[in-house]
Amino acid sequence: MAKKMLEWTGINNLVDYNIFLNNNFGSTQARDDGINNNFTYNHWDDWITPDVNQDGIVDSPYVIAGSAGSFDPFPRTHPL
């Protein structure tokens, strides 16, 4: 089975609490060219550190490729 990046062109979608593993095609595991899509609390296996305060959230947001300028402000360090 071929791997495929998450590509989003929708409007007002929530992409929350997902686990993205081995899905990296360049600099990101997802692309958002839509409008008002929300990415939060996802686990991105290429973005798991730093977590200085050890709260399970990476200290820097995960930037989503694409024209929407989206990012996950609370990327998780481990899958749930």
N, C-alpha and C. Protein backbone atom coordinates (compact mmCIF):
# COMPACT_ATOMS: atom_id res chain seq x y z
N MET A 1 0.85 -1.16 0.00
CA MET A 1 0.00 0.00 0.00
C MET A 1 0.90 1.24 0.00
N ALA A 2 0.60 2.20 -0.84
CA ALA A 2 1.38 3.43 -0.92
C ALA A 2 1.01 4.37 0.22
N LYS A 3 2.01 5.08 0.74
CA LYS A 3 1.76 6.08 1.76
C LYS A 3 1.21 7.33 1.10
N LYS A 4 0.39 8.06 1.82
CA LYS A 4 -0.19 9.28 1.28
C LYS A 4 -0.26 10.32 2.38
N MET A 5 0.10 11.55 2.05
CA MET A 5 0.04 12.66 2.98
C MET A 5 -1.41 13.07 3.18
N LEU A 6 -1.75 13.52 4.39
CA LEU A 6 -3.06 14.10 4.64
C LEU A 6 -3.11 15.44 3.91
N GLU A 7 -4.03 15.58 2.97
CA GLU A 7 -4.20 16.82 2.24
C GLU A 7 -5.61 17.33 2.46
N TRP A 8 -5.73 18.59 2.83
CA TRP A 8 -7.01 19.14 3.22
C TRP A 8 -7.32 20.38 2.40
N THR A 9 -8.48 20.41 1.77
CA THR A 9 -8.94 21.61 1.06
C THR A 9 -10.34 21.99 1.53
N GLY A 10 -10.76 21.43 2.63
CA GLY A 10 -12.11 21.66 3.14
C GLY A 10 -12.22 22.96 3.93
N ILE A 11 -13.39 23.15 4.49
CA ILE A 11 -13.70 24.36 5.26
C ILE A 11 -14.27 23.94 6.61
N ASN A 12 -13.76 24.58 7.68
CA ASN A 12 -14.27 24.40 9.04
C ASN A 12 -14.20 22.96 9.54
N ASN A 13 -13.10 22.27 9.31
CA ASN A 13 -12.93 20.90 9.77
C ASN A 13 -12.05 20.86 11.02
N LEU A 14 -12.30 19.89 11.87
CA LEU A 14 -11.48 19.64 13.05
C LEU A 14 -10.64 18.40 12.80
N VAL A 15 -9.34 18.52 12.98
CA VAL A 15 -8.42 17.39 12.86
C VAL A 15 -7.75 17.29 14.23
N ASP A 16 -8.38 16.59 15.14
CA ASP A 16 -7.97 16.56 16.54
C ASP A 16 -7.73 15.14 17.02
N TYR A 17 -6.73 14.97 17.89
CA TYR A 17 -6.43 13.71 18.57
C TYR A 17 -6.20 12.55 17.61
N ASN A 18 -5.39 12.78 16.59
CA ASN A 18 -5.01 11.74 15.65
C ASN A 18 -3.56 11.34 15.88
N ILE A 19 -3.17 10.22 15.30
CA ILE A 19 -1.79 9.73 15.39
C ILE A 19 -1.26 9.62 13.96
N PHE A 20 -0.23 10.40 13.66
CA PHE A 20 0.40 10.38 12.34
C PHE A 20 1.76 9.72 12.46
N LEU A 21 1.90 8.53 11.85
CA LEU A 21 3.14 7.75 11.92
C LEU A 21 3.67 7.48 10.51
N ASN A 22 4.98 7.66 10.33
CA ASN A 22 5.65 7.34 9.07
C ASN A 22 4.91 7.92 7.86
N ASN A 23 4.48 9.15 7.98
CA ASN A 23 3.66 9.78 6.96
C ASN A 23 4.34 11.05 6.44
N ASN A 24 5.67 11.11 6.54
CA ASN A 24 6.38 12.35 6.22
C ASN A 24 6.80 12.40 4.76
N PHE A 25 6.32 13.40 4.06
CA PHE A 25 6.66 13.63 2.65
C PHE A 25 7.29 15.00 2.52
N GLY A 26 8.50 15.14 2.98
CA GLY A 26 9.17 16.45 2.94
C GLY A 26 9.22 17.04 4.33
N SER A 27 8.72 18.25 4.47
CA SER A 27 8.86 18.95 5.74
C SER A 27 7.66 18.81 6.67
N THR A 28 6.61 18.14 6.25
CA THR A 28 5.41 18.03 7.08
C THR A 28 4.64 16.76 6.74
N GLN A 29 3.76 16.35 7.63
CA GLN A 29 2.96 15.15 7.41
C GLN A 29 1.54 15.48 6.95
N ALA A 30 1.25 16.76 6.79
CA ALA A 30 -0.08 17.16 6.35
C ALA A 30 0.02 18.45 5.55
N ARG A 31 -1.02 18.72 4.77
CA ARG A 31 -1.09 19.94 3.98
C ARG A 31 -2.51 20.48 4.08
N ASP A 32 -2.62 21.79 4.31
CA ASP A 32 -3.94 22.42 4.41
C ASP A 32 -4.00 23.61 3.46
N ASP A 33 -4.83 23.48 2.43
CA ASP A 33 -5.10 24.57 1.50
C ASP A 33 -6.56 25.01 1.62
N GLY A 34 -7.18 24.68 2.73
CA GLY A 34 -8.58 25.01 2.94
C GLY A 34 -8.75 26.30 3.72
N ILE A 35 -9.91 26.42 4.35
CA ILE A 35 -10.27 27.63 5.10
C ILE A 35 -10.76 27.24 6.48
N ASN A 36 -10.17 27.85 7.51
CA ASN A 36 -10.63 27.71 8.89
C ASN A 36 -10.65 26.27 9.39
N ASN A 37 -9.64 25.48 9.02
CA ASN A 37 -9.51 24.13 9.55
C ASN A 37 -8.68 24.18 10.83
N ASN A 38 -8.97 23.32 11.76
CA ASN A 38 -8.35 23.36 13.07
C ASN A 38 -7.63 22.04 13.36
N PHE A 39 -6.33 22.11 13.60
CA PHE A 39 -5.51 20.95 13.96
C PHE A 39 -5.08 21.12 15.42
N THR A 40 -5.46 20.19 16.30
CA THR A 40 -5.02 20.28 17.69
C THR A 40 -4.84 18.89 18.31
N TYR A 41 -3.89 18.81 19.22
CA TYR A 41 -3.62 17.62 20.03
C TYR A 41 -3.35 16.36 19.22
N ASN A 42 -2.72 16.51 18.06
CA ASN A 42 -2.35 15.36 17.26
C ASN A 42 -0.94 14.91 17.63
N HIS A 43 -0.66 13.64 17.43
CA HIS A 43 0.70 13.12 17.60
C HIS A 43 1.33 13.01 16.21
N TRP A 44 2.41 13.77 16.00
CA TRP A 44 3.17 13.75 14.75
C TRP A 44 4.49 13.09 15.08
N ASP A 45 4.77 11.90 14.54
CA ASP A 45 5.95 11.15 14.98
C ASP A 45 7.27 11.82 14.61
N ASP A 46 7.24 12.85 13.77
CA ASP A 46 8.48 13.57 13.45
C ASP A 46 8.62 14.85 14.28
N TRP A 47 7.75 15.03 15.29
CA TRP A 47 7.76 16.26 16.10
C TRP A 47 7.42 15.92 17.54
N ILE A 48 8.40 15.38 18.27
CA ILE A 48 8.10 14.90 19.63
C ILE A 48 8.93 15.57 20.72
N THR A 49 9.81 16.48 20.36
CA THR A 49 10.61 17.20 21.35
C THR A 49 10.79 18.64 20.89
N PRO A 50 11.09 19.57 21.75
CA PRO A 50 11.31 19.43 23.20
C PRO A 50 10.01 19.51 23.99
N ASP A 51 10.04 18.95 25.15
CA ASP A 51 8.95 19.05 26.11
C ASP A 51 9.58 19.30 27.48
N VAL A 52 10.09 20.51 27.66
CA VAL A 52 10.86 20.85 28.85
C VAL A 52 10.07 20.64 30.13
N ASN A 53 8.81 21.03 30.16
CA ASN A 53 8.02 20.89 31.39
C ASN A 53 7.35 19.52 31.52
N GLN A 54 7.60 18.62 30.56
CA GLN A 54 7.12 17.24 30.59
C GLN A 54 5.61 17.12 30.78
N ASP A 55 4.86 17.97 30.05
CA ASP A 55 3.41 17.91 30.13
C ASP A 55 2.79 17.09 29.00
N GLY A 56 3.64 16.48 28.15
CA GLY A 56 3.15 15.66 27.05
C GLY A 56 2.84 16.44 25.79
N ILE A 57 3.09 17.75 25.81
CA ILE A 57 2.86 18.62 24.66
C ILE A 57 4.20 19.19 24.23
N VAL A 58 4.53 19.06 22.94
CA VAL A 58 5.78 19.62 22.42
C VAL A 58 5.73 21.13 22.60
N ASP A 59 6.85 21.73 22.99
CA ASP A 59 6.90 23.15 23.32
C ASP A 59 6.77 24.09 22.12
N SER A 60 6.84 23.57 20.91
CA SER A 60 6.69 24.38 19.70
C SER A 60 5.56 23.80 18.85
N PRO A 61 4.75 24.66 18.22
CA PRO A 61 3.66 24.15 17.39
C PRO A 61 4.17 23.39 16.17
N TYR A 62 3.35 22.48 15.67
CA TYR A 62 3.66 21.73 14.45
C TYR A 62 3.07 22.50 13.28
N VAL A 63 3.92 22.95 12.37
CA VAL A 63 3.48 23.74 11.23
C VAL A 63 2.98 22.82 10.12
N ILE A 64 1.78 23.12 9.62
CA ILE A 64 1.15 22.36 8.54
C ILE A 64 1.46 23.07 7.23
N ALA A 65 1.93 22.34 6.23
CA ALA A 65 2.21 22.93 4.93
C ALA A 65 0.91 23.40 4.28
N GLY A 66 1.02 24.30 3.31
CA GLY A 66 -0.13 24.74 2.54
C GLY A 66 -0.44 26.21 2.70
N SER A 67 -1.35 26.67 1.90
CA SER A 67 -1.67 28.09 1.84
C SER A 67 -2.51 28.59 3.01
N ALA A 68 -3.09 27.69 3.81
CA ALA A 68 -3.96 28.10 4.92
C ALA A 68 -3.19 28.66 6.11
N GLY A 69 -1.90 28.36 6.19
CA GLY A 69 -1.11 28.82 7.34
C GLY A 69 -1.47 28.11 8.63
N SER A 70 -1.92 26.89 8.55
CA SER A 70 -2.35 26.13 9.72
C SER A 70 -1.18 25.58 10.53
N PHE A 71 -1.46 25.30 11.78
CA PHE A 71 -0.50 24.66 12.66
C PHE A 71 -1.25 23.98 13.79
N ASP A 72 -0.60 23.00 14.39
CA ASP A 72 -1.15 22.33 15.57
C ASP A 72 -0.45 22.95 16.77
N PRO A 73 -1.15 23.78 17.56
CA PRO A 73 -0.50 24.46 18.67
C PRO A 73 -0.15 23.54 19.85
N PHE A 74 -0.74 22.35 19.88
CA PHE A 74 -0.54 21.43 21.00
C PHE A 74 -0.18 20.03 20.52
N PRO A 75 0.92 19.87 19.76
CA PRO A 75 1.29 18.53 19.30
C PRO A 75 1.72 17.65 20.47
N ARG A 76 1.19 16.44 20.52
CA ARG A 76 1.48 15.53 21.62
C ARG A 76 2.81 14.80 21.42
N THR A 77 3.50 14.55 22.48
CA THR A 77 4.79 13.85 22.42
C THR A 77 4.62 12.35 22.23
N HIS A 78 3.49 11.79 22.65
CA HIS A 78 3.24 10.35 22.57
C HIS A 78 1.80 10.12 22.11
N PRO A 79 1.57 9.02 21.37
CA PRO A 79 0.19 8.68 21.05
C PRO A 79 -0.57 8.31 22.33
N LEU A 80 -1.84 8.52 22.34
CA LEU A 80 -2.64 8.16 23.53
C LEU A 80 -2.83 6.68 23.62
